Amino acid sequence: MKLYPTDLDSMNDGRPIDRLSDVAALKSNAAAVEAAGSLSVGLPAMGALDLAASALFAVVLWFGVLNDLFFPRAARPSDLVLPALGRLLGMEGQWLDDFANGSRGEFPPTIMGIALPLFLLGGVAVDVLVRVLYGASSGESSAFAVSICVIGVLWAGVYEIGRVDTGDALRSREEDDERERVWLEFQEFAEKNIERCSETQSVNQVEVVRLFRRSHARHRRIDQEGSAPDELIVRALRFWHQSDYGTVDDGYGSRDSVVSRAPPPTSAGFYKGLRLKSKALLEY
């Protein structure tokens, strides 16, 4: 084997340098760098845009978008997760009893301090998952994740508006107690003053509300303390009207919501199949 000066080490001791080993080492280092790069692609770095997307994803997780599949329509995911977390931590209090009885309890600061970072971490996880599945460059995947979370927030907002509009939303214990009290008062009033009849006849909700207020001193004036608003009395009228009809599934596949077969009130507030009794008409 011929040796050239460039093949000798710096000590000139005649020992040849193994070029194949050097090449193998360089290839190994290149493979390690490439593997590290692939890992960085699999777990994208978080920028300011990604943190904003994570926060929005946390909002989506808090309010929910697929409640019909995983949660009752009346409850937000947070309404189930936070009480469960409280019970897991051995907490006690009225807020847990309120949730257990179907009302919305007031979350204590301790449970909020634990739950908010958890939901934010959940938002980070969803953001990273969306960007990894998108599989493009960091900037493009971040923009895609932001667009997805904005759609999710809008969808969660529609769910929240729907809960309020349909009366399905969880309310405080005080609100639920007041609704139950007005409902019992209206049932007693309706049995004395309203009768069911052919659907060719009808009664207007304005007449019923006025007569109900005249029949109860607590509700005599809408501006007096403890008086029920018109909307709550009309809600009781609607439920009483529906109580003599059957129900059908609402089509959402949810666990606790049905639709009454009762004819809906007209846009002017007329309820078919109801009329005031003769004695009530004289008082009216």
Protein backbone atom coordinates (compact mmCIF):
# COMPACT_ATOMS: atom_id res chain seq x y z
CA MET A 1 0.00 0.00 0.00
CA LYS A 2 1.36 3.39 -0.99
CA LEU A 3 1.16 6.21 1.57
CA TYR A 4 1.14 9.88 0.73
CA PRO A 5 1.95 12.77 3.08
CA THR A 6 -1.70 13.70 3.30
CA ASP A 7 -2.46 10.20 4.56
CA LEU A 8 -0.13 10.57 7.55
CA ASP A 9 -1.21 11.97 10.93
CA SER A 10 0.21 15.17 12.36
CA MET A 11 2.87 13.29 14.32
CA ASN A 12 4.28 11.76 11.10
CA ASP A 13 4.52 8.42 12.83
CA GLY A 14 3.57 6.56 9.68
CA ARG A 15 0.10 5.41 10.85
CA PRO A 16 -2.43 5.73 7.96
CA ILE A 17 -5.71 7.57 8.42
CA ASP A 18 -8.81 5.46 7.80
CA ARG A 19 -10.83 7.52 5.29
CA LEU A 20 -13.71 5.02 5.28
CA SER A 21 -14.23 5.49 9.03
CA ASP A 22 -14.30 9.25 8.58
CA VAL A 23 -16.93 8.98 5.84
CA ALA A 24 -19.02 6.61 7.98
CA ALA A 25 -18.86 9.04 10.91
CA LEU A 26 -19.97 11.93 8.71
CA LYS A 27 -22.89 9.89 7.39
CA SER A 28 -23.91 8.95 10.94
CA ASN A 29 -23.87 12.59 12.02
CA ALA A 30 -25.94 13.58 8.97
CA ALA A 31 -28.49 10.87 9.79
CA ALA A 32 -28.74 12.10 13.37
CA VAL A 33 -29.33 15.67 12.20
CA GLU A 34 -31.99 14.48 9.74
CA ALA A 35 -33.71 12.45 12.49
CA ALA A 36 -33.75 15.48 14.77
CA GLY A 37 -35.27 17.50 11.94
CA SER A 38 -37.99 14.93 11.41
CA LEU A 39 -38.81 15.02 15.12
CA SER A 40 -39.10 18.79 14.98
CA VAL A 41 -41.55 18.42 12.10
CA GLY A 42 -43.56 15.87 14.06
CA LEU A 43 -43.76 18.19 17.09
CA PRO A 44 -43.98 21.72 15.67
CA ALA A 45 -42.61 24.64 17.62
CA MET A 46 -45.13 27.00 19.22
CA GLY A 47 -45.27 30.56 17.98
CA ALA A 48 -47.50 33.48 18.97
CA LEU A 49 -50.10 32.46 16.36
CA ASP A 50 -50.10 28.90 17.69
CA LEU A 51 -50.58 30.07 21.28
CA ALA A 52 -53.59 32.12 20.17
CA ALA A 53 -55.00 29.08 18.37
CA SER A 54 -54.45 26.96 21.48
CA ALA A 55 -56.39 29.46 23.59
CA LEU A 56 -59.27 29.40 21.10
CA PHE A 57 -59.25 25.61 21.05
CA ALA A 58 -59.48 25.73 24.86
CA VAL A 59 -62.61 27.88 24.51
CA VAL A 60 -64.08 25.30 22.15
CA LEU A 61 -63.33 22.52 24.62
CA TRP A 62 -64.92 24.56 27.44
CA PHE A 63 -68.21 25.27 25.64
CA GLY A 64 -68.33 22.23 23.37
CA VAL A 65 -69.41 21.62 19.76
CA LEU A 66 -70.41 17.93 19.60
CA ASN A 67 -72.53 17.87 22.73
CA ASP A 68 -75.25 15.76 21.09
CA LEU A 69 -72.72 12.93 20.82
CA PHE A 70 -70.81 13.22 24.07
CA PHE A 71 -72.71 15.48 26.51
CA PRO A 72 -76.30 16.49 27.26
CA ARG A 73 -77.34 19.48 25.16
CA ALA A 74 -78.05 21.55 28.28
CA ALA A 75 -74.53 21.22 29.67
CA ARG A 76 -71.18 22.52 28.53
CA PRO A 77 -68.31 20.02 28.71
CA SER A 78 -66.87 22.16 31.51
CA ASP A 79 -70.12 21.69 33.46
CA LEU A 80 -69.34 17.98 33.64
CA VAL A 81 -65.55 18.03 33.77
CA LEU A 82 -65.12 20.56 36.59
CA PRO A 83 -67.58 18.92 39.04
CA ALA A 84 -66.00 15.54 38.28
CA LEU A 85 -62.57 17.06 38.95
CA GLY A 86 -63.85 18.54 42.21
CA ARG A 87 -65.20 15.20 43.40
CA LEU A 88 -61.94 13.52 42.37
CA LEU A 89 -60.03 16.00 44.55
CA GLY A 90 -62.38 15.34 47.47
CA MET A 91 -64.02 18.78 47.39
CA GLU A 92 -67.39 19.49 48.96
CA GLY A 93 -69.76 22.41 48.70
CA GLN A 94 -73.09 23.77 47.50
CA TRP A 95 -71.77 24.18 43.96
CA LEU A 96 -71.32 20.41 43.64
CA ASP A 97 -74.82 19.78 45.00
CA ASP A 98 -76.21 22.29 42.51
CA PHE A 99 -74.65 20.46 39.57
CA ALA A 100 -75.79 17.11 40.94
CA ASN A 101 -79.37 18.46 41.04
CA GLY A 102 -79.29 19.75 37.46
CA SER A 103 -78.48 23.41 38.14
CA ARG A 104 -75.35 25.40 37.34
CA GLY A 105 -73.19 25.81 40.40
CA GLU A 106 -70.76 28.66 40.91
CA PHE A 107 -67.23 27.34 40.43
CA PRO A 108 -64.93 28.17 43.37
CA PRO A 109 -61.62 29.94 42.58
CA THR A 110 -59.63 26.82 43.52
CA ILE A 111 -61.28 24.59 40.93
CA MET A 112 -61.08 27.35 38.31
CA GLY A 113 -57.35 27.75 39.00
CA ILE A 114 -56.87 24.04 38.33
CA ALA A 115 -59.29 23.67 35.41
CA LEU A 116 -58.21 26.64 33.27
CA PRO A 117 -54.60 25.42 32.79
CA LEU A 118 -55.92 21.92 32.05
CA PHE A 119 -58.24 23.20 29.33
CA LEU A 120 -55.41 25.36 27.95
CA LEU A 121 -53.17 22.28 27.78
CA GLY A 122 -56.00 20.51 26.00
CA GLY A 123 -56.13 23.38 23.53
CA VAL A 124 -52.37 23.09 22.96
CA ALA A 125 -52.75 19.35 22.33
CA VAL A 126 -55.53 19.90 19.80
CA ASP A 127 -53.54 22.65 18.04
CA VAL A 128 -50.44 20.44 17.75
CA LEU A 129 -52.53 17.51 16.51
CA VAL A 130 -54.20 19.64 13.82
CA ARG A 131 -50.86 20.99 12.60
CA VAL A 132 -49.22 17.55 12.54
CA LEU A 133 -52.13 16.09 10.58
CA TYR A 134 -52.00 19.00 8.14
CA GLY A 135 -48.37 18.13 7.48
CA ALA A 136 -47.22 21.32 5.72
CA SER A 137 -44.69 23.98 6.61
CA SER A 138 -44.93 25.62 10.00
CA GLY A 139 -46.53 28.83 8.72
CA GLU A 140 -49.15 27.06 6.61
CA SER A 141 -50.06 24.58 9.35
CA SER A 142 -50.44 27.40 11.89
CA ALA A 143 -52.77 29.31 9.58
CA PHE A 144 -54.79 26.15 9.00
CA ALA A 145 -55.07 25.50 12.76
CA VAL A 146 -56.25 29.07 13.34
CA SER A 147 -58.95 28.74 10.69
CA ILE A 148 -60.15 25.48 12.28
CA CYS A 149 -60.28 26.92 15.80
CA VAL A 150 -62.15 30.05 14.62
CA ILE A 151 -64.78 27.80 13.03
CA GLY A 152 -64.92 25.82 16.27
CA VAL A 153 -65.45 28.96 18.37
CA LEU A 154 -68.29 30.08 16.07
CA TRP A 155 -69.84 26.62 16.30
CA ALA A 156 -69.52 26.64 20.10
CA GLY A 157 -71.19 30.07 20.14
CA VAL A 158 -74.11 28.73 18.12
CA TYR A 159 -74.50 25.90 20.64
CA GLU A 160 -74.46 28.36 23.54
CA ILE A 161 -77.06 30.60 21.89
CA GLY A 162 -79.17 27.51 21.19
CA ARG A 163 -79.04 26.48 24.84
CA VAL A 164 -80.27 29.88 25.96
CA ASP A 165 -82.88 30.22 23.21
CA THR A 166 -84.42 26.79 23.83
CA GLY A 167 -84.28 27.11 27.62
CA ASP A 168 -81.97 24.09 27.83
CA ALA A 169 -79.08 26.01 29.39
CA LEU A 170 -78.20 25.20 32.97
CA ARG A 171 -79.29 27.95 35.37
CA SER A 172 -78.39 28.79 38.94
CA ARG A 173 -80.20 27.02 41.78
CA GLU A 174 -82.04 30.26 42.62
CA GLU A 175 -83.29 30.62 39.04
CA ASP A 176 -84.42 26.99 38.91
CA ASP A 177 -86.23 27.33 42.25
CA GLU A 178 -88.06 30.42 40.99
CA ARG A 179 -89.05 28.71 37.74
CA GLU A 180 -90.41 25.75 39.67
CA ARG A 181 -92.38 28.06 41.95
CA VAL A 182 -93.92 29.97 39.02
CA TRP A 183 -94.72 26.66 37.28
CA LEU A 184 -96.62 25.37 40.33
CA GLU A 185 -98.46 28.68 40.65
CA PHE A 186 -99.38 28.62 36.97
CA GLN A 187 -100.61 25.02 37.13
CA GLU A 188 -103.00 25.95 39.93
CA PHE A 189 -104.11 29.05 38.04
CA ALA A 190 -104.61 27.17 34.75
CA GLU A 191 -106.79 24.45 36.30
CA LYS A 192 -109.15 27.16 37.56
CA ASN A 193 -109.16 29.52 34.61
CA ILE A 194 -108.22 27.72 31.36
CA GLU A 195 -109.93 24.80 29.66
CA ARG A 196 -109.00 22.67 26.69
CA CYS A 197 -111.27 22.71 23.65
CA SER A 198 -111.33 22.19 19.89
CA GLU A 199 -108.31 23.52 18.01
CA THR A 200 -110.68 25.77 16.09
CA GLN A 201 -110.59 28.02 19.17
CA SER A 202 -107.60 29.69 20.75
CA VAL A 203 -106.48 32.05 23.49
CA ASN A 204 -103.82 34.72 23.29
CA GLN A 205 -100.89 34.66 25.68
CA VAL A 206 -101.39 38.35 26.50
CA GLU A 207 -104.83 37.56 27.95
CA VAL A 208 -103.43 34.70 30.00
CA VAL A 209 -100.53 36.75 31.38
CA ARG A 210 -102.83 39.61 32.40
CA LEU A 211 -105.27 37.27 34.13
CA PHE A 212 -102.43 35.40 35.85
CA ARG A 213 -101.04 38.66 37.24
CA ARG A 214 -104.48 39.68 38.50
CA SER A 215 -104.78 36.33 40.25
CA HIS A 216 -101.49 36.56 42.17
CA ALA A 217 -100.49 39.49 44.37
CA ARG A 218 -96.80 38.59 44.05
CA HIS A 219 -96.97 39.05 40.26
CA ARG A 220 -99.49 41.90 40.17
CA ARG A 221 -97.03 44.37 38.65
CA ILE A 222 -94.06 43.43 36.54
CA ASP A 223 -91.86 46.06 38.20
CA GLN A 224 -92.44 44.91 41.78
CA GLU A 225 -89.83 42.84 43.63
CA GLY A 226 -90.25 39.08 43.22
CA SER A 227 -92.60 39.38 40.24
CA ALA A 228 -92.00 36.95 37.38
CA PRO A 229 -91.22 38.42 33.95
CA ASP A 230 -93.72 37.90 31.14
CA GLU A 231 -91.34 35.48 29.42
CA LEU A 232 -91.41 33.11 32.39
CA ILE A 233 -95.22 33.14 32.57
CA VAL A 234 -95.49 32.51 28.82
CA ARG A 235 -93.03 29.64 29.20
CA ALA A 236 -95.29 28.11 31.88
CA LEU A 237 -98.30 28.56 29.57
CA ARG A 238 -96.44 26.80 26.75
CA PHE A 239 -95.50 23.85 28.95
CA TRP A 240 -99.04 23.57 30.33
CA HIS A 241 -100.44 23.67 26.79
CA GLN A 242 -98.04 20.90 25.72
CA SER A 243 -98.74 18.70 28.74
CA ASP A 244 -101.88 17.17 27.18
CA TYR A 245 -100.05 16.11 24.00
CA GLY A 246 -97.60 13.33 23.27
CA THR A 247 -93.93 13.85 22.51
CA VAL A 248 -91.53 12.69 19.83
CA ASP A 249 -87.76 12.53 19.59
CA ASP A 250 -86.27 15.89 18.64
CA GLY A 251 -84.13 14.38 15.88
CA TYR A 252 -80.82 15.23 17.52
CA GLY A 253 -80.44 11.86 19.21
CA SER A 254 -79.77 13.54 22.54
CA ARG A 255 -80.52 11.78 25.78
CA ASP A 256 -82.91 14.19 27.43
CA SER A 257 -84.75 16.32 24.83
CA VAL A 258 -88.03 15.65 23.06
CA VAL A 259 -90.46 17.68 20.98
CA SER A 260 -94.12 18.02 21.89
CA ARG A 261 -96.83 17.14 19.38
CA ALA A 262 -98.79 20.19 20.52
CA PRO A 263 -99.53 22.76 17.78
CA PRO A 264 -97.02 25.60 18.18
CA PRO A 265 -98.31 29.06 19.11
CA THR A 266 -98.82 31.49 16.26
CA SER A 267 -96.51 34.42 15.69
CA ALA A 268 -99.15 36.62 17.37
CA GLY A 269 -99.13 34.44 20.50
CA PHE A 270 -102.38 32.45 20.01
CA TYR A 271 -102.55 28.93 21.47
CA LYS A 272 -104.92 26.61 19.65
CA GLY A 273 -107.11 24.26 21.66
CA LEU A 274 -107.29 26.53 24.73
CA ARG A 275 -109.84 29.06 25.96
CA LEU A 276 -110.58 30.97 29.13
CA LYS A 277 -113.39 29.59 31.29
CA SER A 278 -116.56 31.61 31.58
CA LYS A 279 -115.84 32.68 35.17
CA ALA A 280 -112.35 33.78 34.16
CA LEU A 281 -113.78 35.83 31.28
CA LEU A 282 -116.03 37.68 33.71
CA GLU A 283 -113.05 38.48 35.93
CA TYR A 284 -110.97 39.48 32.94
